[in-house]
Amino acid sequence: MGAVPEPSLPRPLDRPLDWPVPGRPELAERLVGAYSTGRGYHDLRHLTEVLARLAELGEDTPEIVLAGWFHDAVYDGAPDDEERSARLAESELAGAETGERPVDVAEVARLVRLTATHDPAPGDHAGEVLCDADLAILAAPPERYREYAAGVRRDYAAVSDADFRAGRRAVLEELLAREALFRSAYAREHWEPLARQNLAREIAGLR
């Protein structure tokens, strides 16, 4: 568990991002840097999209927004990326305040860990909206979806084409087999149909 890495050439923000800890602007900048270090899909654009989807879902609870910021703060394709991101949140947010009250750091870390499985318990509203926002890329317009898929491939550049195609297909087929991809009523209504079309199209291309 270390500090947020300092990038050599951080990418500037296209627009301000919602940051609910006004007393820690330097932490926001370091997180922006962590997402700007030459990743494939899990980059600053992904962070921006997740925060925008949370806003679309009408969610501005500081702990949920912070979980959006931290959910891929550590990302190198390892099985414990989410766990390390959660531990980083626990370390970096200790003693942080929203301006009105202390941040519930344990809740932020819990939510970050949920993004490993995207399987919140029934009635876990915070978990549902965060996981829905993270998976909302599945409902992107076709061009953006193709960019997303290409970005995922870059994230796993060290994996052979055959192994990647097999692994990617297994992941997508598991998603498509779910009764519902999204948990919140808004996401099921507005995102689910297009997401299923995108998944089916990509699976067909991997066969």
Protein backbone atom coordinates (compact mmCIF):
# COMPACT_ATOMS: atom_id res chain seq x y z
CA MET A 1 0.00 0.00 0.00
CA GLY A 2 1.80 3.09 -1.24
CA ALA A 3 1.11 6.62 -2.26
CA VAL A 4 -0.70 7.48 -5.46
CA PRO A 5 1.98 7.40 -8.17
CA GLU A 6 3.24 10.70 -9.55
CA PRO A 7 3.08 10.61 -13.38
CA SER A 8 5.80 12.12 -15.55
CA LEU A 9 3.37 13.69 -18.03
CA PRO A 10 -0.12 13.95 -16.54
CA ARG A 11 -2.91 14.51 -19.06
CA PRO A 12 -4.88 17.71 -18.38
CA LEU A 13 -8.58 17.52 -17.63
CA ASP A 14 -10.98 18.47 -20.41
CA ARG A 15 -13.41 19.70 -17.77
CA PRO A 16 -13.48 19.89 -13.97
CA LEU A 17 -14.41 16.62 -12.26
CA ASP A 18 -16.60 16.45 -9.20
CA TRP A 19 -14.27 16.12 -6.22
CA PRO A 20 -16.02 15.95 -2.83
CA VAL A 21 -13.03 16.58 -0.56
CA PRO A 22 -12.31 20.31 -0.93
CA GLY A 23 -9.47 20.24 1.55
CA ARG A 24 -7.46 17.72 -0.51
CA PRO A 25 -7.12 19.11 -4.06
CA GLU A 26 -3.62 17.64 -4.35
CA LEU A 27 -5.06 14.14 -3.91
CA ALA A 28 -7.48 14.72 -6.78
CA GLU A 29 -4.59 15.80 -8.99
CA ARG A 30 -2.53 12.76 -8.07
CA LEU A 31 -5.46 10.49 -8.87
CA VAL A 32 -5.87 12.22 -12.22
CA GLY A 33 -2.20 11.48 -12.76
CA ALA A 34 -2.63 7.81 -11.87
CA TYR A 35 -5.32 7.46 -14.53
CA SER A 36 -3.12 9.30 -17.07
CA THR A 37 -0.15 6.93 -17.21
CA GLY A 38 -0.62 5.31 -20.64
CA ARG A 39 -3.28 2.78 -19.73
CA GLY A 40 -5.56 1.13 -22.26
CA TYR A 41 -9.23 1.37 -21.25
CA HIS A 42 -8.89 2.11 -17.52
CA ASP A 43 -7.68 5.64 -18.10
CA LEU A 44 -8.76 9.20 -17.35
CA ARG A 45 -11.55 8.98 -19.90
CA HIS A 46 -12.96 5.99 -18.05
CA LEU A 47 -12.82 7.88 -14.76
CA THR A 48 -14.60 10.84 -16.36
CA GLU A 49 -17.29 8.56 -17.81
CA VAL A 50 -17.92 6.77 -14.52
CA LEU A 51 -18.36 10.07 -12.68
CA ALA A 52 -20.67 11.31 -15.45
CA ARG A 53 -22.77 8.15 -15.22
CA LEU A 54 -23.07 8.56 -11.46
CA ALA A 55 -24.38 12.06 -12.09
CA GLU A 56 -26.79 10.68 -14.71
CA LEU A 57 -28.06 8.29 -12.05
CA GLY A 58 -28.63 11.30 -9.80
CA GLU A 59 -25.97 10.22 -7.33
CA ASP A 60 -23.70 12.71 -5.56
CA THR A 61 -23.12 11.04 -2.18
CA PRO A 62 -19.46 11.79 -1.37
CA GLU A 63 -18.55 8.19 -0.52
CA ILE A 64 -19.99 6.90 -3.81
CA VAL A 65 -18.28 9.60 -5.84
CA LEU A 66 -14.99 8.92 -4.05
CA ALA A 67 -15.36 5.20 -4.76
CA GLY A 68 -15.72 6.15 -8.42
CA TRP A 69 -12.45 8.09 -8.19
CA PHE A 70 -10.57 5.29 -6.46
CA HIS A 71 -12.04 2.16 -8.08
CA ASP A 72 -9.22 1.86 -10.66
CA ALA A 73 -6.65 4.07 -8.95
CA VAL A 74 -4.30 1.08 -8.96
CA TYR A 75 -4.48 -0.79 -12.24
CA ASP A 76 -1.96 -3.08 -13.88
CA GLY A 77 -4.17 -6.04 -14.81
CA ALA A 78 -3.46 -8.00 -11.63
CA PRO A 79 -6.20 -9.98 -9.85
CA ASP A 80 -5.93 -7.75 -6.79
CA ASP A 81 -6.18 -4.37 -8.52
CA GLU A 82 -9.45 -3.54 -6.76
CA GLU A 83 -8.13 -4.66 -3.39
CA ARG A 84 -5.06 -2.50 -3.77
CA SER A 85 -7.21 0.42 -4.89
CA ALA A 86 -9.40 -0.02 -1.80
CA ARG A 87 -6.38 -0.08 0.48
CA LEU A 88 -5.07 3.04 -1.20
CA ALA A 89 -8.39 4.76 -0.50
CA GLU A 90 -8.17 3.71 3.14
CA SER A 91 -4.69 5.18 3.39
CA GLU A 92 -5.17 8.39 1.42
CA LEU A 93 -8.61 9.31 2.80
CA ALA A 94 -7.82 8.80 6.47
CA GLY A 95 -9.00 11.92 8.27
CA ALA A 96 -10.49 13.47 5.12
CA GLU A 97 -13.64 15.58 5.30
CA THR A 98 -16.28 16.50 2.75
CA GLY A 99 -16.48 20.01 4.11
CA GLU A 100 -19.44 19.13 6.29
CA ARG A 101 -18.46 15.84 7.91
CA PRO A 102 -15.72 13.19 7.95
CA VAL A 103 -15.57 10.85 4.98
CA ASP A 104 -16.78 7.32 5.74
CA VAL A 105 -13.55 5.76 4.54
CA ALA A 106 -14.66 2.19 5.28
CA GLU A 107 -17.67 2.68 3.00
CA VAL A 108 -15.52 4.03 0.19
CA ALA A 109 -13.22 1.02 0.44
CA ARG A 110 -16.17 -1.40 0.58
CA LEU A 111 -17.60 0.08 -2.60
CA VAL A 112 -14.26 -0.06 -4.41
CA ARG A 113 -13.95 -3.75 -3.55
CA LEU A 114 -17.41 -4.37 -5.04
CA THR A 115 -16.16 -3.39 -8.47
CA ALA A 116 -14.15 -6.62 -8.58
CA THR A 117 -17.37 -8.63 -9.03
CA HIS A 118 -20.07 -6.04 -9.79
CA ASP A 119 -22.41 -8.10 -7.63
CA PRO A 120 -23.82 -5.93 -4.84
CA ALA A 121 -26.30 -7.43 -2.41
CA PRO A 122 -30.00 -6.73 -3.02
CA GLY A 123 -30.91 -3.39 -1.52
CA ASP A 124 -27.33 -2.08 -1.51
CA HIS A 125 -28.15 1.17 -3.28
CA ALA A 126 -24.63 2.58 -3.12
CA GLY A 127 -23.16 -0.63 -4.50
CA GLU A 128 -25.77 -0.81 -7.24
CA VAL A 129 -25.22 2.68 -8.61
CA LEU A 130 -21.43 2.43 -8.49
CA CYS A 131 -21.39 -0.94 -10.25
CA ASP A 132 -23.92 0.30 -12.80
CA ALA A 133 -21.79 3.37 -13.52
CA ASP A 134 -18.69 1.21 -13.93
CA LEU A 135 -20.47 -1.16 -16.35
CA ALA A 136 -22.25 1.62 -18.24
CA ILE A 137 -19.57 1.49 -20.95
CA LEU A 138 -21.34 -1.67 -22.14
CA ALA A 139 -24.19 0.59 -23.26
CA ALA A 140 -21.98 3.04 -25.14
CA PRO A 141 -22.71 3.95 -28.76
CA PRO A 142 -21.09 1.49 -31.18
CA GLU A 143 -18.04 3.64 -31.99
CA ARG A 144 -17.23 4.27 -28.34
CA TYR A 145 -17.84 0.60 -27.56
CA ARG A 146 -15.28 -0.39 -30.20
CA GLU A 147 -12.79 2.03 -28.65
CA TYR A 148 -13.49 0.50 -25.24
CA ALA A 149 -12.90 -3.04 -26.55
CA ALA A 150 -9.65 -1.95 -28.20
CA GLY A 151 -8.58 -0.31 -24.95
CA VAL A 152 -9.20 -3.52 -23.01
CA ARG A 153 -7.03 -5.36 -25.52
CA ARG A 154 -4.21 -2.84 -24.90
CA ASP A 155 -4.59 -3.40 -21.17
CA TYR A 156 -3.78 -7.07 -21.81
CA ALA A 157 -1.16 -6.55 -24.50
CA ALA A 158 1.08 -9.21 -22.92
CA VAL A 159 -1.57 -11.90 -23.45
CA SER A 160 -1.56 -13.82 -26.73
CA ASP A 161 -4.39 -13.20 -29.19
CA ALA A 162 -5.77 -16.71 -28.75
CA ASP A 163 -5.75 -16.56 -24.97
CA PHE A 164 -7.20 -13.07 -24.93
CA ARG A 165 -10.05 -13.99 -27.26
CA ALA A 166 -10.91 -17.05 -25.18
CA GLY A 167 -10.77 -15.16 -21.90
CA ARG A 168 -12.63 -12.14 -23.22
CA ARG A 169 -15.36 -14.29 -24.71
CA ALA A 170 -15.83 -16.13 -21.40
CA VAL A 171 -16.19 -12.84 -19.52
CA LEU A 172 -18.69 -11.44 -22.02
CA GLU A 173 -20.75 -14.61 -22.15
CA GLU A 174 -20.98 -14.64 -18.36
CA LEU A 175 -22.23 -11.06 -18.44
CA LEU A 176 -24.75 -11.74 -21.18
CA ALA A 177 -26.10 -14.75 -19.27
CA ARG A 178 -27.03 -12.60 -16.28
CA GLU A 179 -30.70 -11.96 -15.74
CA ALA A 180 -29.86 -8.25 -15.62
CA LEU A 181 -26.61 -6.44 -16.33
CA PHE A 182 -27.65 -3.44 -14.27
CA ARG A 183 -29.30 -3.15 -10.86
CA SER A 184 -30.83 0.32 -10.74
CA ALA A 185 -34.20 0.90 -12.41
CA TYR A 186 -32.86 3.78 -14.53
CA ALA A 187 -29.92 1.76 -15.87
CA ARG A 188 -32.09 -1.25 -16.65
CA GLU A 189 -34.47 0.94 -18.62
CA HIS A 190 -31.97 3.16 -20.42
CA TRP A 191 -28.79 1.11 -20.72
CA GLU A 192 -29.67 -2.61 -20.68
CA PRO A 193 -30.98 -3.07 -24.27
CA LEU A 194 -28.01 -1.43 -25.99
CA ALA A 195 -25.55 -3.15 -23.65
CA ARG A 196 -26.91 -6.57 -24.62
CA GLN A 197 -26.66 -5.70 -28.29
CA ASN A 198 -23.04 -4.61 -27.88
CA LEU A 199 -22.11 -7.74 -25.94
CA ALA A 200 -23.74 -10.06 -28.49
CA ARG A 201 -21.98 -8.28 -31.33
CA GLU A 202 -18.55 -8.52 -29.70
CA ILE A 203 -19.04 -12.18 -28.79
CA ALA A 204 -19.95 -12.97 -32.39
CA GLY A 205 -16.75 -11.28 -33.54
CA LEU A 206 -14.66 -13.34 -31.12
CA ARG A 207 -15.95 -16.70 -32.37
